[in-house]
Amino acid sequence: MHIYVNGRNIEITDAIKAYVREKIGKVATHYDQIQGIDVVLSVIKNPAASGKHVAEVSCKMNSGVVRCEEAADSMYESIDLLADKLLRQVQKFKDKSVGTDKSSIRTEAKVEETAETVEE
């Protein structure tokens, strides 16, 4: 799994790259179907803008893509918020794809099979 870090209107330093890989890399440990993560860090040059540091992520998985965006007053803060948001979305995606709820098709099929064997 690769984590690509790009920048718009900002020079990406080694410290920022390491911080992004540390924070976003933790998300990759929760779900093994992640193929690649693209992170884009940007700075809005407008002095009237409130959240000037924007972090965007696109997480590519086997069966879909999860995208998030966060803005804050500092780049490190936006990366922290982004990592938390991405973790929640990946866990939600994982729960939907695995079907952990009881109304899943997999559990309904097992219940029907056992009912047929009891009747016979």
N, C-alpha and C. Protein backbone atom coordinates (compact mmCIF):
# COMPACT_ATOMS: atom_id res chain seq x y z
N MET A 1 0.83 -1.16 0.00
CA MET A 1 0.00 0.00 0.00
C MET A 1 0.89 1.24 0.00
N HIS A 2 0.54 2.18 -0.88
CA HIS A 2 1.35 3.38 -1.03
C HIS A 2 0.57 4.59 -0.52
N ILE A 3 1.31 5.52 0.09
CA ILE A 3 0.74 6.80 0.50
C ILE A 3 1.48 7.87 -0.29
N TYR A 4 0.76 8.54 -1.18
CA TYR A 4 1.33 9.61 -2.00
C TYR A 4 0.94 10.94 -1.39
N VAL A 5 1.91 11.83 -1.21
CA VAL A 5 1.66 13.14 -0.62
C VAL A 5 2.05 14.19 -1.65
N ASN A 6 1.08 15.03 -2.04
CA ASN A 6 1.32 16.11 -2.99
C ASN A 6 0.92 17.43 -2.35
N GLY A 7 1.42 18.53 -2.92
CA GLY A 7 1.10 19.84 -2.38
C GLY A 7 0.69 20.83 -3.45
N ARG A 8 -0.23 21.71 -3.09
CA ARG A 8 -0.65 22.81 -3.95
C ARG A 8 -0.39 24.10 -3.18
N ASN A 9 0.35 25.01 -3.78
CA ASN A 9 0.70 26.28 -3.17
C ASN A 9 1.48 26.12 -1.88
N ILE A 10 2.14 25.00 -1.72
CA ILE A 10 2.93 24.73 -0.52
C ILE A 10 4.06 23.78 -0.89
N GLU A 11 5.20 23.97 -0.25
CA GLU A 11 6.31 23.04 -0.44
C GLU A 11 6.21 21.98 0.65
N ILE A 12 6.15 20.74 0.25
CA ILE A 12 5.99 19.64 1.18
C ILE A 12 7.37 19.27 1.73
N THR A 13 7.55 19.46 3.03
CA THR A 13 8.82 19.13 3.67
C THR A 13 8.82 17.67 4.11
N ASP A 14 9.99 17.18 4.47
CA ASP A 14 10.10 15.80 4.94
C ASP A 14 9.34 15.60 6.25
N ALA A 15 9.29 16.63 7.09
CA ALA A 15 8.57 16.52 8.36
C ALA A 15 7.07 16.36 8.11
N ILE A 16 6.54 17.12 7.17
CA ILE A 16 5.11 17.00 6.87
C ILE A 16 4.80 15.64 6.25
N LYS A 17 5.67 15.17 5.35
CA LYS A 17 5.47 13.84 4.74
C LYS A 17 5.47 12.75 5.81
N ALA A 18 6.41 12.83 6.73
CA ALA A 18 6.50 11.83 7.78
C ALA A 18 5.27 11.87 8.68
N TYR A 19 4.79 13.08 8.97
CA TYR A 19 3.61 13.23 9.82
C TYR A 19 2.37 12.65 9.13
N VAL A 20 2.22 12.92 7.84
CA VAL A 20 1.08 12.39 7.09
C VAL A 20 1.15 10.86 7.04
N ARG A 21 2.31 10.32 6.78
CA ARG A 21 2.44 8.86 6.69
C ARG A 21 2.20 8.20 8.04
N GLU A 22 2.58 8.88 9.12
CA GLU A 22 2.34 8.34 10.46
C GLU A 22 0.85 8.32 10.77
N LYS A 23 0.16 9.44 10.54
CA LYS A 23 -1.25 9.56 10.88
C LYS A 23 -2.15 8.75 9.94
N ILE A 24 -1.93 8.86 8.64
CA ILE A 24 -2.77 8.17 7.67
C ILE A 24 -2.41 6.69 7.62
N GLY A 25 -1.18 6.35 7.91
CA GLY A 25 -0.76 4.95 7.93
C GLY A 25 -1.49 4.13 8.98
N LYS A 26 -1.91 4.78 10.06
CA LYS A 26 -2.67 4.07 11.09
C LYS A 26 -4.02 3.60 10.56
N VAL A 27 -4.58 4.33 9.62
CA VAL A 27 -5.86 3.96 9.03
C VAL A 27 -5.71 2.67 8.23
N ALA A 28 -4.57 2.52 7.57
CA ALA A 28 -4.35 1.35 6.72
C ALA A 28 -4.27 0.06 7.52
N THR A 29 -3.96 0.15 8.80
CA THR A 29 -3.88 -1.06 9.62
C THR A 29 -5.26 -1.59 9.99
N HIS A 30 -6.31 -0.77 9.85
CA HIS A 30 -7.66 -1.19 10.22
C HIS A 30 -8.37 -1.97 9.11
N TYR A 31 -7.92 -1.83 7.88
CA TYR A 31 -8.61 -2.50 6.77
C TYR A 31 -7.56 -2.93 5.75
N ASP A 32 -7.53 -4.20 5.43
CA ASP A 32 -6.47 -4.74 4.58
C ASP A 32 -6.76 -4.63 3.09
N GLN A 33 -7.93 -4.13 2.69
CA GLN A 33 -8.29 -4.02 1.28
C GLN A 33 -7.87 -2.69 0.66
N ILE A 34 -7.15 -1.85 1.39
CA ILE A 34 -6.73 -0.54 0.88
C ILE A 34 -5.55 -0.75 -0.07
N GLN A 35 -5.68 -0.21 -1.29
CA GLN A 35 -4.62 -0.35 -2.29
C GLN A 35 -3.68 0.85 -2.31
N GLY A 36 -4.21 2.05 -2.14
CA GLY A 36 -3.39 3.24 -2.18
C GLY A 36 -4.12 4.43 -1.60
N ILE A 37 -3.35 5.37 -1.07
CA ILE A 37 -3.92 6.58 -0.48
C ILE A 37 -3.22 7.77 -1.09
N ASP A 38 -4.00 8.69 -1.66
CA ASP A 38 -3.46 9.93 -2.23
C ASP A 38 -3.85 11.08 -1.32
N VAL A 39 -2.85 11.83 -0.83
CA VAL A 39 -3.09 12.97 0.04
C VAL A 39 -2.65 14.23 -0.69
N VAL A 40 -3.52 15.24 -0.72
CA VAL A 40 -3.19 16.53 -1.33
C VAL A 40 -3.31 17.59 -0.25
N LEU A 41 -2.22 18.29 0.01
CA LEU A 41 -2.19 19.38 0.98
C LEU A 41 -2.12 20.69 0.23
N SER A 42 -2.96 21.64 0.61
CA SER A 42 -2.96 22.92 -0.09
C SER A 42 -3.15 24.07 0.89
N VAL A 43 -2.75 25.25 0.44
CA VAL A 43 -2.90 26.47 1.23
C VAL A 43 -3.68 27.46 0.40
N ILE A 44 -4.71 28.04 1.00
CA ILE A 44 -5.50 29.06 0.32
C ILE A 44 -4.85 30.41 0.59
N LYS A 45 -4.54 31.12 -0.45
CA LYS A 45 -3.81 32.38 -0.32
C LYS A 45 -4.72 33.58 -0.04
N ASN A 46 -6.03 33.40 -0.02
CA ASN A 46 -6.97 34.49 0.22
C ASN A 46 -6.93 34.88 1.70
N PRO A 47 -6.66 36.15 2.03
CA PRO A 47 -6.59 36.54 3.44
C PRO A 47 -7.94 36.50 4.14
N ALA A 48 -9.05 36.51 3.42
CA ALA A 48 -10.37 36.48 4.03
C ALA A 48 -10.83 35.07 4.37
N ALA A 49 -10.13 34.05 3.90
CA ALA A 49 -10.52 32.66 4.15
C ALA A 49 -10.23 32.29 5.60
N SER A 50 -11.13 31.52 6.21
CA SER A 50 -10.95 31.16 7.61
C SER A 50 -10.03 29.94 7.77
N GLY A 51 -10.33 28.84 7.12
CA GLY A 51 -9.48 27.65 7.19
C GLY A 51 -8.54 27.64 6.01
N LYS A 52 -7.34 28.13 6.19
CA LYS A 52 -6.43 28.33 5.07
C LYS A 52 -5.67 27.08 4.67
N HIS A 53 -5.53 26.15 5.58
CA HIS A 53 -4.77 24.92 5.29
C HIS A 53 -5.75 23.78 5.06
N VAL A 54 -5.74 23.24 3.86
CA VAL A 54 -6.71 22.21 3.46
C VAL A 54 -5.97 20.91 3.19
N ALA A 55 -6.51 19.83 3.71
CA ALA A 55 -5.97 18.49 3.46
C ALA A 55 -7.08 17.64 2.85
N GLU A 56 -6.78 17.00 1.73
CA GLU A 56 -7.73 16.13 1.05
C GLU A 56 -7.11 14.74 0.93
N VAL A 57 -7.95 13.72 0.97
CA VAL A 57 -7.46 12.36 0.82
C VAL A 57 -8.42 11.57 -0.06
N SER A 58 -7.84 10.69 -0.86
CA SER A 58 -8.59 9.75 -1.68
C SER A 58 -8.02 8.37 -1.39
N CYS A 59 -8.83 7.53 -0.79
CA CYS A 59 -8.40 6.20 -0.37
C CYS A 59 -8.99 5.17 -1.32
N LYS A 60 -8.14 4.51 -2.10
CA LYS A 60 -8.60 3.54 -3.09
C LYS A 60 -8.60 2.15 -2.48
N MET A 61 -9.75 1.48 -2.61
CA MET A 61 -9.90 0.13 -2.09
C MET A 61 -10.29 -0.81 -3.22
N ASN A 62 -10.38 -2.08 -2.92
CA ASN A 62 -10.73 -3.07 -3.95
C ASN A 62 -12.12 -2.82 -4.52
N SER A 63 -13.05 -2.38 -3.70
CA SER A 63 -14.43 -2.27 -4.17
C SER A 63 -14.97 -0.84 -4.14
N GLY A 64 -14.12 0.17 -4.03
CA GLY A 64 -14.61 1.53 -4.02
C GLY A 64 -13.55 2.53 -3.63
N VAL A 65 -13.99 3.78 -3.47
CA VAL A 65 -13.10 4.87 -3.11
C VAL A 65 -13.75 5.68 -2.00
N VAL A 66 -12.94 6.07 -1.01
CA VAL A 66 -13.40 6.94 0.07
C VAL A 66 -12.63 8.25 -0.05
N ARG A 67 -13.37 9.37 -0.05
CA ARG A 67 -12.75 10.69 -0.17
C ARG A 67 -13.14 11.55 1.04
N CYS A 68 -12.18 12.34 1.53
CA CYS A 68 -12.42 13.23 2.65
C CYS A 68 -11.67 14.55 2.41
N GLU A 69 -12.14 15.59 3.08
CA GLU A 69 -11.47 16.88 3.01
C GLU A 69 -11.68 17.59 4.34
N GLU A 70 -10.62 18.23 4.83
CA GLU A 70 -10.69 19.00 6.07
C GLU A 70 -9.88 20.27 5.91
N ALA A 71 -10.32 21.33 6.58
CA ALA A 71 -9.63 22.61 6.56
C ALA A 71 -9.46 23.09 8.00
N ALA A 72 -8.32 23.73 8.28
CA ALA A 72 -8.04 24.24 9.62
C ALA A 72 -7.04 25.40 9.51
N ASP A 73 -6.70 25.95 10.66
CA ASP A 73 -5.78 27.09 10.67
C ASP A 73 -4.32 26.66 10.54
N SER A 74 -3.99 25.42 10.87
CA SER A 74 -2.61 24.93 10.68
C SER A 74 -2.65 23.62 9.91
N MET A 75 -1.58 23.32 9.24
CA MET A 75 -1.53 22.12 8.41
C MET A 75 -1.59 20.85 9.26
N TYR A 76 -0.90 20.86 10.39
CA TYR A 76 -0.89 19.69 11.26
C TYR A 76 -2.29 19.43 11.83
N GLU A 77 -3.01 20.47 12.16
CA GLU A 77 -4.36 20.32 12.67
C GLU A 77 -5.29 19.74 11.60
N SER A 78 -5.15 20.22 10.37
CA SER A 78 -5.99 19.68 9.30
C SER A 78 -5.67 18.22 9.01
N ILE A 79 -4.41 17.83 9.14
CA ILE A 79 -4.02 16.43 8.94
C ILE A 79 -4.61 15.56 10.04
N ASP A 80 -4.60 16.05 11.28
CA ASP A 80 -5.19 15.30 12.40
C ASP A 80 -6.69 15.09 12.19
N LEU A 81 -7.38 16.17 11.83
CA LEU A 81 -8.82 16.07 11.59
C LEU A 81 -9.12 15.13 10.43
N LEU A 82 -8.29 15.20 9.39
CA LEU A 82 -8.47 14.35 8.22
C LEU A 82 -8.28 12.88 8.57
N ALA A 83 -7.28 12.57 9.37
CA ALA A 83 -7.02 11.18 9.76
C ALA A 83 -8.19 10.61 10.55
N ASP A 84 -8.75 11.41 11.46
CA ASP A 84 -9.90 10.95 12.23
C ASP A 84 -11.11 10.70 11.34
N LYS A 85 -11.36 11.62 10.43
CA LYS A 85 -12.50 11.49 9.54
C LYS A 85 -12.34 10.30 8.60
N LEU A 86 -11.14 10.11 8.08
CA LEU A 86 -10.88 8.98 7.19
C LEU A 86 -11.04 7.65 7.93
N LEU A 87 -10.59 7.58 9.16
CA LEU A 87 -10.73 6.36 9.95
C LEU A 87 -12.21 6.01 10.13
N ARG A 88 -13.04 7.00 10.46
CA ARG A 88 -14.47 6.74 10.62
C ARG A 88 -15.10 6.26 9.32
N GLN A 89 -14.73 6.88 8.20
CA GLN A 89 -15.33 6.50 6.93
C GLN A 89 -14.86 5.12 6.48
N VAL A 90 -13.60 4.78 6.72
CA VAL A 90 -13.09 3.46 6.33
C VAL A 90 -13.76 2.38 7.18
N GLN A 91 -13.94 2.64 8.48
CA GLN A 91 -14.63 1.67 9.33
C GLN A 91 -16.07 1.48 8.89
N LYS A 92 -16.73 2.55 8.50
CA LYS A 92 -18.10 2.46 8.01
C LYS A 92 -18.15 1.67 6.70
N PHE A 93 -17.20 1.93 5.81
CA PHE A 93 -17.11 1.20 4.54
C PHE A 93 -16.86 -0.28 4.79
N LYS A 94 -15.97 -0.57 5.74
CA LYS A 94 -15.64 -1.95 6.07
C LYS A 94 -16.87 -2.68 6.64
N ASP A 95 -17.60 -2.02 7.52
CA ASP A 95 -18.80 -2.64 8.09
C ASP A 95 -19.85 -2.93 7.02
N LYS A 96 -19.99 -2.02 6.08
CA LYS A 96 -20.96 -2.24 5.01
C LYS A 96 -20.54 -3.39 4.10
N SER A 97 -19.26 -3.46 3.77
CA SER A 97 -18.80 -4.49 2.84
C SER A 97 -18.75 -5.86 3.49
N VAL A 98 -18.42 -5.92 4.76
CA VAL A 98 -18.34 -7.20 5.45
C VAL A 98 -19.73 -7.68 5.83
N GLY A 99 -20.63 -6.76 6.14
CA GLY A 99 -21.99 -7.15 6.50
C GLY A 99 -22.08 -7.66 7.92
N THR A 100 -21.64 -6.89 8.87
CA THR A 100 -21.65 -7.33 10.26
C THR A 100 -23.03 -7.25 10.90
N ASP A 101 -23.96 -6.52 10.28
CA ASP A 101 -25.29 -6.42 10.88
C ASP A 101 -26.05 -7.72 10.70
N LYS A 102 -27.09 -7.93 11.50
CA LYS A 102 -27.81 -9.20 11.50
C LYS A 102 -28.76 -9.35 10.32
N SER A 103 -29.05 -8.29 9.62
CA SER A 103 -29.95 -8.38 8.47
C SER A 103 -29.18 -8.63 7.18
N SER A 104 -28.03 -9.20 7.29
CA SER A 104 -27.18 -9.46 6.14
C SER A 104 -27.74 -10.63 5.31
N ILE A 105 -27.43 -10.63 4.06
CA ILE A 105 -27.86 -11.71 3.17
C ILE A 105 -27.22 -13.02 3.58
N ARG A 106 -25.98 -12.96 4.04
CA ARG A 106 -25.28 -14.18 4.43
C ARG A 106 -25.97 -14.86 5.61
N THR A 107 -26.38 -14.10 6.60
CA THR A 107 -27.02 -14.72 7.76
C THR A 107 -28.42 -15.20 7.43
N GLU A 108 -29.14 -14.49 6.55
CA GLU A 108 -30.48 -14.94 6.15
C GLU A 108 -30.41 -16.26 5.41
N ALA A 109 -29.40 -16.45 4.57
CA ALA A 109 -29.25 -17.69 3.83
C ALA A 109 -28.96 -18.85 4.78
N LYS A 110 -28.17 -18.62 5.80
CA LYS A 110 -27.86 -19.68 6.77
C LYS A 110 -29.10 -20.06 7.57
N VAL A 111 -29.91 -19.09 7.93
CA VAL A 111 -31.14 -19.36 8.68
C VAL A 111 -32.11 -20.18 7.84
N GLU A 112 -32.25 -19.86 6.55
CA GLU A 112 -33.14 -20.61 5.67
C GLU A 112 -32.66 -22.04 5.49
N GLU A 113 -31.33 -22.25 5.36
CA GLU A 113 -30.80 -23.60 5.21
C GLU A 113 -31.07 -24.44 6.44
N THR A 114 -30.89 -23.87 7.62
CA THR A 114 -31.12 -24.64 8.84
C THR A 114 -32.61 -24.94 9.02
N ALA A 115 -33.48 -24.04 8.59
CA ALA A 115 -34.92 -24.27 8.70
C ALA A 115 -35.34 -25.42 7.79
N GLU A 116 -34.77 -25.52 6.61
CA GLU A 116 -35.10 -26.60 5.67
C GLU A 116 -34.64 -27.94 6.22
N THR A 117 -33.48 -28.00 6.84
CA THR A 117 -32.98 -29.26 7.37
C THR A 117 -33.80 -29.72 8.57
N VAL A 118 -34.34 -28.79 9.35
CA VAL A 118 -35.17 -29.15 10.50
C VAL A 118 -36.50 -29.72 10.04
N GLU A 119 -37.10 -29.17 8.98
CA GLU A 119 -38.38 -29.63 8.47
C GLU A 119 -38.30 -31.04 7.89
N GLU A 120 -37.18 -31.39 7.29
CA GLU A 120 -37.02 -32.71 6.67
C GLU A 120 -36.87 -33.72 7.73
